């Protein structure tokens, strides 16, 4: 039973993990498109140029879909890890506010998940594996 669980976890776990990591970024990017002016104003209020919003949206949506599809996974995961750390520091670092510090730690944890993808690859069920004899 344990061996079957382990085999299924190794086969399907990376796909499920990629979906869970990417979903938040895809949704956040779409939300930023739908609330463009408000997001730009919020960025400006935090000292981040609102002119960067198109780059943020592209990073979240394209990077998120790359992770879901397992396409250029290591590159996309590295970029999203950096993006997640930087955005966490810019928008959540406030030692006087426990909730913001929890959000910062959430960002760091997500970046850790992306760095695991950088190190381990996408697993099976990834476009990165096209034409390869192995699953990873």
N, C-alpha and C. Protein backbone atom coordinates (compact mmCIF):
# COMPACT_ATOMS: atom_id res chain seq x y z
N UNK A 1 0.83 -1.20 0.00
CA UNK A 1 0.00 0.00 0.00
C UNK A 1 0.87 1.26 0.00
N UNK A 2 1.87 1.28 0.88
CA UNK A 2 2.77 2.43 0.96
C UNK A 2 3.52 2.63 -0.35
N UNK A 3 3.95 1.53 -0.96
CA UNK A 3 4.69 1.64 -2.23
C UNK A 3 3.79 2.19 -3.33
N UNK A 4 2.52 1.80 -3.35
CA UNK A 4 1.59 2.31 -4.34
C UNK A 4 1.35 3.81 -4.13
N UNK A 5 1.20 4.21 -2.86
CA UNK A 5 1.04 5.63 -2.55
C UNK A 5 2.26 6.42 -3.01
N UNK A 6 3.44 5.90 -2.71
CA UNK A 6 4.68 6.59 -3.09
C UNK A 6 4.80 6.70 -4.61
N UNK A 7 4.46 5.63 -5.33
CA UNK A 7 4.53 5.67 -6.79
C UNK A 7 3.57 6.70 -7.36
N UNK A 8 2.34 6.73 -6.83
CA UNK A 8 1.37 7.72 -7.30
C UNK A 8 1.79 9.12 -6.93
N UNK A 9 2.36 9.30 -5.73
CA UNK A 9 2.83 10.63 -5.31
C UNK A 9 3.94 11.11 -6.22
N UNK A 10 4.86 10.24 -6.57
CA UNK A 10 5.96 10.63 -7.46
C UNK A 10 5.46 10.93 -8.86
N UNK A 11 4.41 10.22 -9.29
CA UNK A 11 3.88 10.42 -10.63
C UNK A 11 3.01 11.67 -10.73
N UNK A 12 2.07 11.83 -9.77
CA UNK A 12 1.09 12.90 -9.86
C UNK A 12 1.39 14.10 -8.95
N UNK A 13 2.20 13.91 -7.94
CA UNK A 13 2.52 14.98 -7.00
C UNK A 13 3.09 16.23 -7.64
N UNK A 14 4.08 16.09 -8.54
CA UNK A 14 4.63 17.30 -9.15
C UNK A 14 3.60 18.08 -9.96
N UNK A 15 2.72 17.38 -10.67
CA UNK A 15 1.67 18.07 -11.43
C UNK A 15 0.73 18.82 -10.51
N UNK A 16 0.28 18.17 -9.46
CA UNK A 16 -0.62 18.81 -8.50
C UNK A 16 0.10 19.99 -7.84
N UNK A 17 1.34 19.80 -7.46
CA UNK A 17 2.11 20.89 -6.87
C UNK A 17 2.25 22.07 -7.81
N UNK A 18 2.54 21.79 -9.09
CA UNK A 18 2.64 22.88 -10.07
C UNK A 18 1.32 23.62 -10.21
N UNK A 19 0.22 22.88 -10.26
CA UNK A 19 -1.10 23.52 -10.38
C UNK A 19 -1.38 24.41 -9.17
N UNK A 20 -1.11 23.91 -7.98
CA UNK A 20 -1.38 24.69 -6.77
C UNK A 20 -0.49 25.93 -6.68
N UNK A 21 0.77 25.81 -7.06
CA UNK A 21 1.66 26.98 -7.05
C UNK A 21 1.23 28.02 -8.08
N UNK A 22 0.83 27.56 -9.24
CA UNK A 22 0.57 28.49 -10.35
C UNK A 22 -0.79 29.16 -10.28
N UNK A 23 -1.77 28.50 -9.70
CA UNK A 23 -3.14 29.01 -9.71
C UNK A 23 -3.22 30.43 -9.14
N UNK A 24 -2.54 30.66 -8.03
CA UNK A 24 -2.59 31.98 -7.39
C UNK A 24 -2.05 33.06 -8.32
N UNK A 25 -0.99 32.76 -9.05
CA UNK A 25 -0.38 33.76 -9.91
C UNK A 25 -1.25 34.07 -11.13
N UNK A 26 -1.83 33.04 -11.71
CA UNK A 26 -2.71 33.26 -12.87
C UNK A 26 -3.92 34.10 -12.44
N UNK A 27 -4.53 33.73 -11.34
CA UNK A 27 -5.69 34.48 -10.86
C UNK A 27 -5.31 35.92 -10.48
N UNK A 28 -4.16 36.09 -9.84
CA UNK A 28 -3.73 37.44 -9.45
C UNK A 28 -3.48 38.30 -10.69
N UNK A 29 -2.89 37.72 -11.71
CA UNK A 29 -2.66 38.47 -12.94
C UNK A 29 -3.96 38.89 -13.61
N UNK A 30 -4.92 37.98 -13.67
CA UNK A 30 -6.23 38.29 -14.26
C UNK A 30 -6.93 39.36 -13.43
N UNK A 31 -6.86 39.24 -12.10
CA UNK A 31 -7.47 40.25 -11.24
C UNK A 31 -6.85 41.62 -11.46
N UNK A 32 -5.54 41.66 -11.69
CA UNK A 32 -4.87 42.94 -11.94
C UNK A 32 -5.32 43.55 -13.26
N UNK A 33 -5.60 42.72 -14.24
CA UNK A 33 -6.13 43.23 -15.52
C UNK A 33 -7.51 43.84 -15.29
N UNK A 34 -8.35 43.12 -14.53
CA UNK A 34 -9.72 43.59 -14.28
C UNK A 34 -9.76 44.83 -13.39
N UNK A 35 -8.77 45.01 -12.54
CA UNK A 35 -8.72 46.17 -11.65
C UNK A 35 -7.47 46.99 -11.90
N UNK A 36 -7.19 47.23 -13.17
CA UNK A 36 -5.92 47.82 -13.58
C UNK A 36 -5.62 49.14 -12.87
N UNK A 37 -6.56 50.09 -12.94
CA UNK A 37 -6.30 51.42 -12.37
C UNK A 37 -6.08 51.35 -10.85
N UNK A 38 -6.90 50.57 -10.18
CA UNK A 38 -6.75 50.43 -8.74
C UNK A 38 -5.42 49.79 -8.35
N UNK A 39 -5.01 48.78 -9.12
CA UNK A 39 -3.72 48.13 -8.85
C UNK A 39 -2.57 49.09 -9.08
N UNK A 40 -2.66 49.86 -10.16
CA UNK A 40 -1.62 50.85 -10.44
C UNK A 40 -1.53 51.88 -9.31
N UNK A 41 -2.67 52.34 -8.84
CA UNK A 41 -2.69 53.32 -7.74
C UNK A 41 -2.09 52.71 -6.47
N UNK A 42 -2.40 51.45 -6.19
CA UNK A 42 -1.85 50.79 -5.01
C UNK A 42 -0.34 50.66 -5.13
N UNK A 43 0.13 50.26 -6.31
CA UNK A 43 1.58 50.15 -6.51
C UNK A 43 2.25 51.49 -6.27
N UNK A 44 1.69 52.54 -6.84
CA UNK A 44 2.25 53.88 -6.66
C UNK A 44 2.27 54.27 -5.19
N UNK A 45 1.21 53.94 -4.46
CA UNK A 45 1.14 54.31 -3.05
C UNK A 45 2.18 53.57 -2.21
N UNK A 46 2.66 52.44 -2.71
CA UNK A 46 3.68 51.66 -2.01
C UNK A 46 5.09 51.99 -2.49
N UNK A 47 5.18 53.01 -3.37
CA UNK A 47 6.49 53.43 -3.86
C UNK A 47 7.00 52.62 -5.04
N UNK A 48 6.14 51.82 -5.64
CA UNK A 48 6.52 51.02 -6.81
C UNK A 48 5.86 51.66 -8.03
N UNK A 49 6.63 51.98 -9.07
CA UNK A 49 6.03 52.64 -10.23
C UNK A 49 4.91 51.81 -10.86
N UNK A 50 3.74 52.41 -10.97
CA UNK A 50 2.60 51.75 -11.59
C UNK A 50 2.85 51.39 -13.03
N UNK A 51 3.83 52.02 -13.66
CA UNK A 51 4.18 51.70 -15.04
C UNK A 51 4.71 50.28 -15.18
N UNK A 52 5.09 49.66 -14.06
CA UNK A 52 5.59 48.28 -14.09
C UNK A 52 4.46 47.25 -14.12
N UNK A 53 3.21 47.70 -13.99
CA UNK A 53 2.09 46.77 -13.91
C UNK A 53 2.01 45.82 -15.10
N UNK A 54 2.19 46.26 -16.35
CA UNK A 54 2.14 45.28 -17.45
C UNK A 54 3.18 44.16 -17.29
N UNK A 55 4.37 44.50 -16.83
CA UNK A 55 5.40 43.49 -16.60
C UNK A 55 4.98 42.53 -15.48
N UNK A 56 4.36 43.06 -14.45
CA UNK A 56 3.86 42.23 -13.35
C UNK A 56 2.81 41.25 -13.86
N UNK A 57 1.86 41.75 -14.64
CA UNK A 57 0.79 40.91 -15.18
C UNK A 57 1.37 39.82 -16.07
N UNK A 58 2.28 40.18 -16.95
CA UNK A 58 2.90 39.19 -17.84
C UNK A 58 3.65 38.14 -17.02
N UNK A 59 4.39 38.58 -16.02
CA UNK A 59 5.13 37.64 -15.17
C UNK A 59 4.20 36.66 -14.50
N UNK A 60 3.11 37.16 -13.93
CA UNK A 60 2.19 36.29 -13.21
C UNK A 60 1.44 35.34 -14.14
N UNK A 61 0.88 35.86 -15.22
CA UNK A 61 0.05 35.04 -16.10
C UNK A 61 0.90 34.09 -16.94
N UNK A 62 1.89 34.61 -17.63
CA UNK A 62 2.72 33.75 -18.48
C UNK A 62 3.53 32.79 -17.63
N UNK A 63 4.12 33.30 -16.54
CA UNK A 63 4.87 32.42 -15.65
C UNK A 63 3.98 31.34 -15.04
N UNK A 64 2.79 31.72 -14.63
CA UNK A 64 1.86 30.75 -14.07
C UNK A 64 1.48 29.66 -15.05
N UNK A 65 1.15 30.05 -16.28
CA UNK A 65 0.80 29.04 -17.29
C UNK A 65 2.00 28.17 -17.67
N UNK A 66 3.20 28.75 -17.68
CA UNK A 66 4.41 27.95 -17.95
C UNK A 66 4.58 26.88 -16.89
N UNK A 67 4.32 27.23 -15.62
CA UNK A 67 4.42 26.25 -14.54
C UNK A 67 3.35 25.17 -14.70
N UNK A 68 2.13 25.56 -14.97
CA UNK A 68 1.04 24.58 -15.15
C UNK A 68 1.39 23.60 -16.26
N UNK A 69 1.86 24.12 -17.38
CA UNK A 69 2.15 23.27 -18.53
C UNK A 69 3.48 22.52 -18.40
N UNK A 70 4.30 22.93 -17.46
CA UNK A 70 5.62 22.32 -17.34
C UNK A 70 6.50 22.70 -18.53
N UNK A 71 6.39 23.93 -18.97
CA UNK A 71 7.16 24.44 -20.11
C UNK A 71 8.18 25.46 -19.59
N UNK A 72 9.45 25.22 -19.90
CA UNK A 72 10.51 26.09 -19.39
C UNK A 72 10.37 26.22 -17.87
N UNK A 73 10.09 25.09 -17.24
CA UNK A 73 9.71 25.08 -15.83
C UNK A 73 10.77 25.68 -14.93
N UNK A 74 12.01 25.28 -15.12
CA UNK A 74 13.06 25.77 -14.23
C UNK A 74 13.24 27.28 -14.36
N UNK A 75 13.21 27.79 -15.57
CA UNK A 75 13.34 29.23 -15.79
C UNK A 75 12.14 29.98 -15.21
N UNK A 76 10.94 29.49 -15.50
CA UNK A 76 9.73 30.15 -14.99
C UNK A 76 9.69 30.11 -13.47
N UNK A 77 10.06 28.98 -12.89
CA UNK A 77 10.05 28.85 -11.43
C UNK A 77 11.09 29.77 -10.80
N UNK A 78 12.25 29.90 -11.42
CA UNK A 78 13.27 30.80 -10.90
C UNK A 78 12.78 32.25 -10.95
N UNK A 79 12.18 32.62 -12.07
CA UNK A 79 11.66 33.99 -12.21
C UNK A 79 10.55 34.26 -11.20
N UNK A 80 9.64 33.31 -11.03
CA UNK A 80 8.54 33.52 -10.08
C UNK A 80 9.03 33.50 -8.64
N UNK A 81 10.06 32.72 -8.34
CA UNK A 81 10.63 32.74 -6.99
C UNK A 81 11.18 34.13 -6.69
N UNK A 82 11.95 34.69 -7.62
CA UNK A 82 12.49 36.03 -7.43
C UNK A 82 11.39 37.07 -7.32
N UNK A 83 10.41 36.99 -8.21
CA UNK A 83 9.28 37.91 -8.20
C UNK A 83 8.55 37.85 -6.86
N UNK A 84 8.36 36.64 -6.34
CA UNK A 84 7.62 36.45 -5.10
C UNK A 84 8.38 37.01 -3.90
N UNK A 85 9.69 36.82 -3.88
CA UNK A 85 10.49 37.38 -2.79
C UNK A 85 10.49 38.90 -2.85
N UNK A 86 10.72 39.45 -4.04
CA UNK A 86 10.78 40.91 -4.19
C UNK A 86 9.43 41.54 -3.85
N UNK A 87 8.34 40.98 -4.38
CA UNK A 87 7.02 41.57 -4.10
C UNK A 87 6.67 41.42 -2.62
N UNK A 88 7.09 40.33 -2.01
CA UNK A 88 6.85 40.17 -0.57
C UNK A 88 7.56 41.24 0.23
N UNK A 89 8.80 41.48 -0.10
CA UNK A 89 9.56 42.51 0.62
C UNK A 89 8.99 43.91 0.38
N UNK A 90 8.58 44.20 -0.85
CA UNK A 90 8.05 45.52 -1.17
C UNK A 90 6.68 45.78 -0.55
N UNK A 91 5.83 44.76 -0.53
CA UNK A 91 4.44 44.99 -0.14
C UNK A 91 4.07 44.45 1.23
N UNK A 92 4.89 43.58 1.81
CA UNK A 92 4.49 42.96 3.07
C UNK A 92 5.46 43.15 4.22
N UNK A 93 6.66 43.64 3.96
CA UNK A 93 7.62 43.78 5.06
C UNK A 93 7.20 44.94 5.96
N UNK A 94 6.68 44.60 7.12
CA UNK A 94 6.28 45.58 8.12
C UNK A 94 6.36 44.91 9.48
N UNK A 95 7.52 44.98 10.12
CA UNK A 95 7.72 44.28 11.39
C UNK A 95 6.72 44.66 12.48
N UNK A 96 6.07 45.80 12.34
CA UNK A 96 5.08 46.23 13.33
C UNK A 96 3.71 45.60 13.11
N UNK A 97 3.53 44.92 11.98
CA UNK A 97 2.23 44.36 11.62
C UNK A 97 2.36 42.86 11.45
N UNK A 98 1.85 42.11 12.42
CA UNK A 98 2.00 40.66 12.40
C UNK A 98 1.39 40.03 11.14
N UNK A 99 0.23 40.51 10.70
CA UNK A 99 -0.41 39.94 9.52
C UNK A 99 0.46 40.13 8.28
N UNK A 100 1.04 41.31 8.14
CA UNK A 100 1.91 41.54 6.99
C UNK A 100 3.16 40.65 7.04
N UNK A 101 3.67 40.41 8.23
CA UNK A 101 4.83 39.54 8.35
C UNK A 101 4.46 38.09 8.04
N UNK A 102 3.25 37.68 8.38
CA UNK A 102 2.78 36.35 7.99
C UNK A 102 2.67 36.26 6.48
N UNK A 103 2.17 37.32 5.85
CA UNK A 103 2.08 37.35 4.38
C UNK A 103 3.49 37.28 3.75
N UNK A 104 4.44 37.95 4.36
CA UNK A 104 5.82 37.89 3.87
C UNK A 104 6.34 36.46 3.96
N UNK A 105 6.10 35.80 5.08
CA UNK A 105 6.55 34.41 5.24
C UNK A 105 5.85 33.50 4.24
N UNK A 106 4.58 33.78 3.94
CA UNK A 106 3.85 33.02 2.90
C UNK A 106 4.57 33.17 1.57
N UNK A 107 4.97 34.39 1.25
CA UNK A 107 5.69 34.62 0.00
C UNK A 107 7.01 33.84 -0.02
N UNK A 108 7.73 33.86 1.09
CA UNK A 108 8.99 33.12 1.17
C UNK A 108 8.75 31.61 1.00
N UNK A 109 7.66 31.11 1.59
CA UNK A 109 7.34 29.68 1.45
C UNK A 109 7.02 29.33 0.00
N UNK A 110 6.27 30.17 -0.67
CA UNK A 110 5.94 29.94 -2.08
C UNK A 110 7.22 29.96 -2.91
N UNK A 111 8.11 30.90 -2.62
CA UNK A 111 9.39 30.96 -3.34
C UNK A 111 10.16 29.66 -3.11
N UNK A 112 10.09 29.11 -1.90
CA UNK A 112 10.74 27.83 -1.63
C UNK A 112 10.18 26.72 -2.50
N UNK A 113 8.88 26.70 -2.70
CA UNK A 113 8.27 25.72 -3.60
C UNK A 113 8.78 25.88 -5.02
N UNK A 114 8.89 27.11 -5.47
CA UNK A 114 9.42 27.34 -6.82
C UNK A 114 10.88 26.92 -6.93
N UNK A 115 11.65 27.15 -5.89
CA UNK A 115 13.05 26.75 -5.93
C UNK A 115 13.20 25.23 -5.93
N UNK A 116 12.24 24.52 -5.33
CA UNK A 116 12.24 23.06 -5.46
C UNK A 116 12.00 22.66 -6.91
N UNK A 117 11.13 23.37 -7.62
CA UNK A 117 10.94 23.09 -9.04
C UNK A 117 12.21 23.36 -9.83
N UNK A 118 12.92 24.42 -9.47
CA UNK A 118 14.19 24.71 -10.15
C UNK A 118 15.14 23.54 -9.96
N UNK A 119 15.24 23.05 -8.74
CA UNK A 119 16.19 21.99 -8.41
C UNK A 119 15.76 20.63 -8.96
N UNK A 120 14.48 20.30 -8.85
CA UNK A 120 14.01 18.95 -9.15
C UNK A 120 13.40 18.80 -10.54
N UNK A 121 13.04 19.90 -11.16
CA UNK A 121 12.37 19.83 -12.46
C UNK A 121 10.87 19.64 -12.30
N UNK A 122 10.16 19.57 -13.42
CA UNK A 122 8.70 19.58 -13.39
C UNK A 122 8.05 18.25 -13.06
N UNK A 123 8.81 17.17 -13.07
CA UNK A 123 8.21 15.85 -12.90
C UNK A 123 7.54 15.40 -14.18
N UNK A 124 6.83 14.28 -14.11
CA UNK A 124 6.13 13.80 -15.31
C UNK A 124 4.99 14.75 -15.69
N UNK A 125 4.42 14.53 -16.82
CA UNK A 125 3.30 15.34 -17.31
C UNK A 125 3.70 16.79 -17.49
N UNK A 126 4.80 17.01 -18.20
CA UNK A 126 5.30 18.36 -18.44
C UNK A 126 5.76 18.47 -19.89
N UNK A 127 5.51 19.62 -20.48
CA UNK A 127 5.99 19.84 -21.84
C UNK A 127 7.51 19.78 -21.94
N UNK A 128 8.18 20.08 -20.84
CA UNK A 128 9.65 20.00 -20.84
C UNK A 128 10.14 18.60 -21.16
N UNK A 129 9.29 17.61 -21.00
CA UNK A 129 9.70 16.21 -21.21
C UNK A 129 9.43 15.71 -22.63
N UNK A 130 8.93 16.56 -23.49
CA UNK A 130 8.67 16.11 -24.86
C UNK A 130 9.94 15.58 -25.49
N UNK A 131 9.84 14.45 -26.10
CA UNK A 131 10.96 13.88 -26.83
C UNK A 131 12.03 13.27 -25.94
N UNK A 132 11.83 13.25 -24.65
CA UNK A 132 12.78 12.63 -23.75
C UNK A 132 12.33 11.20 -23.45
N UNK A 133 13.27 10.35 -23.23
CA UNK A 133 12.96 8.99 -22.87
C UNK A 133 12.57 8.84 -21.42
N UNK A 134 12.96 9.84 -20.58
CA UNK A 134 12.65 9.75 -19.16
C UNK A 134 11.50 10.67 -18.84
N UNK A 135 11.00 10.55 -17.60
CA UNK A 135 9.85 11.36 -17.18
C UNK A 135 10.26 12.72 -16.66
N UNK A 136 11.54 12.98 -16.46
CA UNK A 136 11.94 14.27 -15.89
C UNK A 136 13.17 14.76 -16.55
